[in-house]
C-alpha atoms as a PDB file:
ATOM      1  CA  MET A   1       0.000   0.000   0.000  1.00  0.00           C
ATOM      2  CA  ASN A   2       1.150   3.471  -0.801  1.00  0.00           C
ATOM      3  CA  ILE A   3       2.333   5.222   2.350  1.00  0.00           C
ATOM      4  CA  ASN A   4       1.786   8.548   0.567  1.00  0.00           C
ATOM      5  CA  ASP A   5      -1.959   7.909   0.456  1.00  0.00           C
ATOM      6  CA  SER A   6      -3.550  10.130   3.130  1.00  0.00           C
ATOM      7  CA  LYS A   7      -5.655   7.273   4.534  1.00  0.00           C
ATOM      8  CA  VAL A   8      -2.577   5.088   4.915  1.00  0.00           C
ATOM      9  CA  LYS A   9      -0.625   7.979   6.447  1.00  0.00           C
ATOM     10  CA  ASN A  10      -3.329   8.376   9.073  1.00  0.00           C
ATOM     11  CA  LEU A  11      -3.380   4.643   9.752  1.00  0.00           C
ATOM     12  CA  VAL A  12       0.407   4.614  10.233  1.00  0.00           C
ATOM     13  CA  ASP A  13       0.230   7.676  12.521  1.00  0.00           C
ATOM     14  CA  TRP A  14      -2.484   5.982  14.596  1.00  0.00           C
ATOM     15  CA  LEU A  15      -0.426   2.790  14.763  1.00  0.00           C
ATOM     16  CA  ARG A  16       2.457   4.869  16.118  1.00  0.00           C
ATOM     17  CA  ASP A  17       0.072   6.367  18.670  1.00  0.00           C
ATOM     18  CA  ALA A  18      -1.044   2.853  19.631  1.00  0.00           C
ATOM     19  CA  HIS A  19       2.567   1.759  20.048  1.00  0.00           C
ATOM     20  CA  ALA A  20       3.234   4.696  22.372  1.00  0.00           C
ATOM     21  CA  MET A  21       0.012   3.910  24.232  1.00  0.00           C
ATOM     22  CA  GLU A  22       1.141   0.303  24.756  1.00  0.00           C
ATOM     23  CA  GLN A  23       4.556   1.521  25.950  1.00  0.00           C
ATOM     24  CA  GLN A  24       2.751   3.776  28.421  1.00  0.00           C
ATOM     25  CA  ALA A  25       0.453   0.952  29.511  1.00  0.00           C
ATOM     26  CA  GLU A  26       3.349  -1.421  30.097  1.00  0.00           C
ATOM     27  CA  THR A  27       5.230   1.136  32.180  1.00  0.00           C
ATOM     28  CA  MET A  28       2.135   1.944  34.256  1.00  0.00           C
ATOM     29  CA  LEU A  29       1.184  -1.682  34.773  1.00  0.00           C
ATOM     30  CA  LYS A  30       4.689  -2.709  35.823  1.00  0.00           C
ATOM     31  CA  ALA A  31       4.913   0.149  38.326  1.00  0.00           C
ATOM     32  CA  GLN A  32       1.510  -0.676  39.748  1.00  0.00           C
ATOM     33  CA  SER A  33       2.235  -4.394  39.958  1.00  0.00           C
ATOM     34  CA  GLU A  34       5.573  -3.853  41.692  1.00  0.00           C
ATOM     35  CA  ARG A  35       3.933  -1.765  44.421  1.00  0.00           C
ATOM     36  CA  LEU A  36       0.907  -3.977  45.084  1.00  0.00           C
ATOM     37  CA  GLU A  37       1.474  -5.881  48.297  1.00  0.00           C
ATOM     38  CA  HIS A  38      -1.922  -6.761  49.728  1.00  0.00           C
ATOM     39  CA  TYR A  39      -4.105  -7.333  46.664  1.00  0.00           C
ATOM     40  CA  PRO A  40      -2.866 -10.602  45.124  1.00  0.00           C
ATOM     41  CA  GLU A  41      -5.776 -11.143  42.719  1.00  0.00           C
ATOM     42  CA  LEU A  42      -5.406  -7.654  41.253  1.00  0.00           C
ATOM     43  CA  ARG A  43      -1.642  -8.056  41.046  1.00  0.00           C
ATOM     44  CA  ALA A  44      -1.964 -11.410  39.244  1.00  0.00           C
ATOM     45  CA  ARG A  45      -4.390  -9.979  36.678  1.00  0.00           C
ATOM     46  CA  ILE A  46      -2.161  -6.963  36.087  1.00  0.00           C
ATOM     47  CA  GLU A  47       0.854  -9.213  35.568  1.00  0.00           C
ATOM     48  CA  GLU A  48      -1.154 -11.275  33.073  1.00  0.00           C
ATOM     49  CA  HIS A  49      -2.095  -8.084  31.250  1.00  0.00           C
ATOM     50  CA  ILE A  50       1.549  -6.959  31.171  1.00  0.00           C
ATOM     51  CA  THR A  51       2.293 -10.047  29.087  1.00  0.00           C
ATOM     52  CA  GLU A  52      -0.702  -9.287  26.848  1.00  0.00           C
ATOM     53  CA  THR A  53       0.444  -5.677  26.515  1.00  0.00           C
ATOM     54  CA  GLN A  54       3.925  -6.749  25.427  1.00  0.00           C
ATOM     55  CA  GLY A  55       2.330  -8.977  22.771  1.00  0.00           C
ATOM     56  CA  GLN A  56       0.109  -6.109  21.660  1.00  0.00           C
ATOM     57  CA  ARG A  57       3.121  -3.847  21.248  1.00  0.00           C
ATOM     58  CA  GLU A  58       4.794  -6.529  19.116  1.00  0.00           C
ATOM     59  CA  LEU A  59       1.677  -6.857  16.933  1.00  0.00           C
ATOM     60  CA  ILE A  60       1.674  -3.091  16.388  1.00  0.00           C
ATOM     61  CA  GLU A  61       5.378  -3.190  15.489  1.00  0.00           C
ATOM     62  CA  GLN A  62       4.601  -5.883  12.884  1.00  0.00           C
ATOM     63  CA  CYS A  63       1.814  -3.724  11.452  1.00  0.00           C
ATOM     64  CA  LEU A  64       4.182  -0.760  11.191  1.00  0.00           C
ATOM     65  CA  ALA A  65       6.897  -2.919   9.606  1.00  0.00           C
ATOM     66  CA  ARG A  66       4.524  -3.899   6.793  1.00  0.00           C
ATOM     67  CA  TYR A  67       4.522  -0.194   5.871  1.00  0.00           C
ATOM     68  CA  ASP A  68       8.307   0.086   6.317  1.00  0.00           C
ATOM     69  CA  ALA A  69       7.511   2.367   9.242  1.00  0.00           C
ATOM     70  CA  SER A  70       8.823   2.327  12.774  1.00  0.00           C
ATOM     71  CA  PRO A  71       7.412   3.474  16.090  1.00  0.00           C
ATOM     72  CA  SER A  72       7.759   7.139  16.951  1.00  0.00           C
ATOM     73  CA  GLY A  73      10.554   7.591  19.460  1.00  0.00           C
ATOM     74  CA  ILE A  74       9.096  10.913  20.533  1.00  0.00           C
ATOM     75  CA  LYS A  75       5.616   9.465  21.083  1.00  0.00           C
ATOM     76  CA  ASP A  76       7.035   6.432  22.895  1.00  0.00           C
ATOM     77  CA  PHE A  77       9.128   8.665  25.149  1.00  0.00           C
ATOM     78  CA  GLY A  78       6.121  10.881  25.865  1.00  0.00           C
ATOM     79  CA  GLY A  79       4.023   7.873  26.790  1.00  0.00           C
ATOM     80  CA  LYS A  80       6.672   6.576  29.145  1.00  0.00           C
ATOM     81  CA  MET A  81       7.043   9.987  30.782  1.00  0.00           C
ATOM     82  CA  MET A  82       3.276  10.247  31.313  1.00  0.00           C
ATOM     83  CA  ALA A  83       3.290   6.776  32.861  1.00  0.00           C
ATOM     84  CA  PHE A  84       6.184   7.724  35.132  1.00  0.00           C
ATOM     85  CA  ALA A  85       4.362  10.864  36.287  1.00  0.00           C
ATOM     86  CA  GLN A  86       1.209   8.849  36.944  1.00  0.00           C
ATOM     87  CA  GLY A  87       3.230   6.337  38.933  1.00  0.00           C
ATOM     88  CA  VAL A  88       4.842   9.017  41.075  1.00  0.00           C
ATOM     89  CA  GLY A  89       1.479  10.677  41.631  1.00  0.00           C
ATOM     90  CA  GLY A  90      -0.129   7.381  42.543  1.00  0.00           C
ATOM     91  CA  SER A  91       2.592   6.442  44.989  1.00  0.00           C
ATOM     92  CA  ILE A  92       1.876   9.471  47.186  1.00  0.00           C
ATOM     93  CA  MET A  93      -1.878   8.843  47.384  1.00  0.00           C
ATOM     94  CA  THR A  94      -3.219   7.184  50.510  1.00  0.00           C
ATOM     95  CA  ASP A  95      -5.688   5.200  48.384  1.00  0.00           C
ATOM     96  CA  GLU A  96      -3.279   4.266  45.605  1.00  0.00           C
ATOM     97  CA  VAL A  97      -4.790   0.826  44.912  1.00  0.00           C
ATOM     98  CA  VAL A  98      -8.310   2.207  44.430  1.00  0.00           C
ATOM     99  CA  LYS A  99      -7.220   5.109  42.242  1.00  0.00           C
ATOM    100  CA  GLY A 100      -4.857   2.859  40.287  1.00  0.00           C
ATOM    101  CA  ALA A 101      -7.571   0.303  39.565  1.00  0.00           C
ATOM    102  CA  ALA A 102     -10.032   3.030  38.584  1.00  0.00           C
ATOM    103  CA  MET A 103      -7.483   4.721  36.313  1.00  0.00           C
ATOM    104  CA  GLY A 104      -6.644   1.330  34.831  1.00  0.00           C
ATOM    105  CA  TYR A 105     -10.298   0.943  33.878  1.00  0.00           C
ATOM    106  CA  VAL A 106     -10.294   4.391  32.264  1.00  0.00           C
ATOM    107  CA  PHE A 107      -7.071   3.639  30.367  1.00  0.00           C
ATOM    108  CA  GLU A 108      -8.437   0.312  29.097  1.00  0.00           C
ATOM    109  CA  ASN A 109     -11.414   2.169  27.666  1.00  0.00           C
ATOM    110  CA  LEU A 110      -9.092   4.663  25.972  1.00  0.00           C
ATOM    111  CA  GLU A 111      -7.306   1.706  24.403  1.00  0.00           C
ATOM    112  CA  ILE A 112     -10.627   0.205  23.292  1.00  0.00           C
ATOM    113  CA  ALA A 113     -11.519   3.493  21.583  1.00  0.00           C
ATOM    114  CA  SER A 114      -8.089   3.673  19.932  1.00  0.00           C
ATOM    115  CA  TYR A 115      -8.332   0.143  18.550  1.00  0.00           C
ATOM    116  CA  THR A 116     -11.871   0.827  17.343  1.00  0.00           C
ATOM    117  CA  VAL A 117     -10.390   3.693  15.305  1.00  0.00           C
ATOM    118  CA  LEU A 118      -7.565   1.480  14.017  1.00  0.00           C
ATOM    119  CA  ILE A 119      -9.954  -1.310  12.980  1.00  0.00           C
ATOM    120  CA  ALA A 120     -12.093   1.163  11.024  1.00  0.00           C
ATOM    121  CA  ALA A 121      -9.023   2.723   9.369  1.00  0.00           C
ATOM    122  CA  ALA A 122      -7.544  -0.668   8.480  1.00  0.00           C
ATOM    123  CA  LYS A 123     -10.873  -1.684   6.892  1.00  0.00           C
ATOM    124  CA  GLU A 124     -10.949   1.588   4.976  1.00  0.00           C
ATOM    125  CA  VAL A 125      -7.516   0.996   3.414  1.00  0.00           C
ATOM    126  CA  GLY A 126      -8.073  -2.739   2.939  1.00  0.00           C
ATOM    127  CA  ASP A 127      -5.368  -3.822   5.389  1.00  0.00           C
ATOM    128  CA  THR A 128      -6.855  -7.060   6.688  1.00  0.00           C
ATOM    129  CA  GLU A 129      -3.700  -8.050   8.598  1.00  0.00           C
ATOM    130  CA  THR A 130      -3.731  -4.854  10.664  1.00  0.00           C
ATOM    131  CA  GLN A 131      -7.473  -5.199  11.102  1.00  0.00           C
ATOM    132  CA  ARG A 132      -7.062  -8.744  12.468  1.00  0.00           C
ATOM    133  CA  ALA A 133      -4.216  -7.695  14.761  1.00  0.00           C
ATOM    134  CA  CYS A 134      -6.282  -4.831  16.181  1.00  0.00           C
ATOM    135  CA  GLU A 135      -9.320  -7.082  16.587  1.00  0.00           C
ATOM    136  CA  THR A 136      -7.168  -9.478  18.621  1.00  0.00           C
ATOM    137  CA  ILE A 137      -5.866  -6.640  20.749  1.00  0.00           C
ATOM    138  CA  ILE A 138      -9.268  -5.048  21.329  1.00  0.00           C
ATOM    139  CA  GLU A 139     -10.625  -8.357  22.661  1.00  0.00           C
ATOM    140  CA  GLN A 140      -7.863  -8.378  25.287  1.00  0.00           C
ATOM    141  CA  GLU A 141      -8.512  -4.743  26.190  1.00  0.00           C
ATOM    142  CA  ILE A 142     -12.252  -5.369  26.528  1.00  0.00           C
ATOM    143  CA  ALA A 143     -11.563  -8.388  28.740  1.00  0.00           C
ATOM    144  CA  MET A 144      -9.231  -6.377  30.996  1.00  0.00           C
ATOM    145  CA  ALA A 145     -11.680  -3.474  31.224  1.00  0.00           C
ATOM    146  CA  GLN A 146     -14.475  -5.873  32.128  1.00  0.00           C
ATOM    147  CA  TRP A 147     -12.318  -7.599  34.725  1.00  0.00           C
ATOM    148  CA  LEU A 148     -11.483  -4.270  36.344  1.00  0.00           C
ATOM    149  CA  LYS A 149     -15.119  -3.161  36.276  1.00  0.00           C
ATOM    150  CA  ASP A 150     -16.211  -6.447  37.847  1.00  0.00           C
ATOM    151  CA  HIS A 151     -13.489  -6.362  40.511  1.00  0.00           C
ATOM    152  CA  LEU A 152     -13.448  -2.668  41.451  1.00  0.00           C
ATOM    153  CA  PRO A 153     -16.067  -3.218  44.198  1.00  0.00           C
ATOM    154  CA  GLN A 154     -13.884  -5.975  45.717  1.00  0.00           C
ATOM    155  CA  VAL A 155     -10.797  -3.757  45.574  1.00  0.00           C
ATOM    156  CA  VAL A 156     -12.695  -0.939  47.282  1.00  0.00           C
ATOM    157  CA  SER A 157     -14.056  -3.275  49.956  1.00  0.00           C
ATOM    158  CA  ALA A 158     -10.630  -4.784  50.637  1.00  0.00           C
ATOM    159  CA  PHE A 159      -9.102  -1.308  50.786  1.00  0.00           C
ATOM    160  CA  LEU A 160     -11.738  -0.013  53.207  1.00  0.00           C
ATOM    161  CA  THR A 161     -11.343  -3.077  55.433  1.00  0.00           C
ATOM    162  CA  ARG A 162      -7.555  -2.718  55.504  1.00  0.00           C
ATOM    163  CA  ASP A 163      -7.771   1.051  55.984  1.00  0.00           C
ATOM    164  CA  ALA A 164     -10.028   0.611  59.036  1.00  0.00           C
ATOM    165  CA  ALA A 165      -7.567  -1.789  60.700  1.00  0.00           C
ATOM    166  CA  PRO A 166      -5.105   0.134  62.892  1.00  0.00           C
ATOM    167  CA  ASP A 167      -1.968  -1.795  61.910  1.00  0.00           C
ATOM    168  CA  ALA A 168      -2.765  -2.617  58.255  1.00  0.00           C
ATOM    169  CA  VAL A 169      -1.360  -0.896  55.202  1.00  0.00           C
ATOM    170  CA  ALA A 170      -4.209  -0.311  52.775  1.00  0.00           C
ATOM    171  CA  LYS A 171      -2.865   1.851  49.963  1.00  0.00           C
ATOM    172  CA  ARG A 172      -0.955  -0.976  48.259  1.00  0.00           C
END
């Protein structure tokens, strides 16, 4: 496909955005997982999603390679810096686990929207391989968002129980 075609250019730009988004997600998830001490089910699911996220990043890299394009170093760096700032901000909150899980749910929905855009763009340019890759990724993002939505009440309950105990650490 002709990279000079405006539709293809947009698709490639959005793939670069998705790559940066996955870099950001991986950084955020790793930081969150490393700090979780008292929420083993949440930590296990996050660690599972880290592996999925790494696979998603690789799928996006393959999509870019088919266009002889590479990820955007600037966008990747920006994503990592945003994740770092979020991690630092989260670490000083007294309810880090609750805010982290809630923000994870929000971020998953951002990813779902981004892959919805990529699927539509890939269809528009006739790139069935990118479409399939993004459909695989979006299924994982939907599953993670649903898991977080389903488990947020449990995280909140566990946090509140730990927070009410005089000697327990609740935030992580």
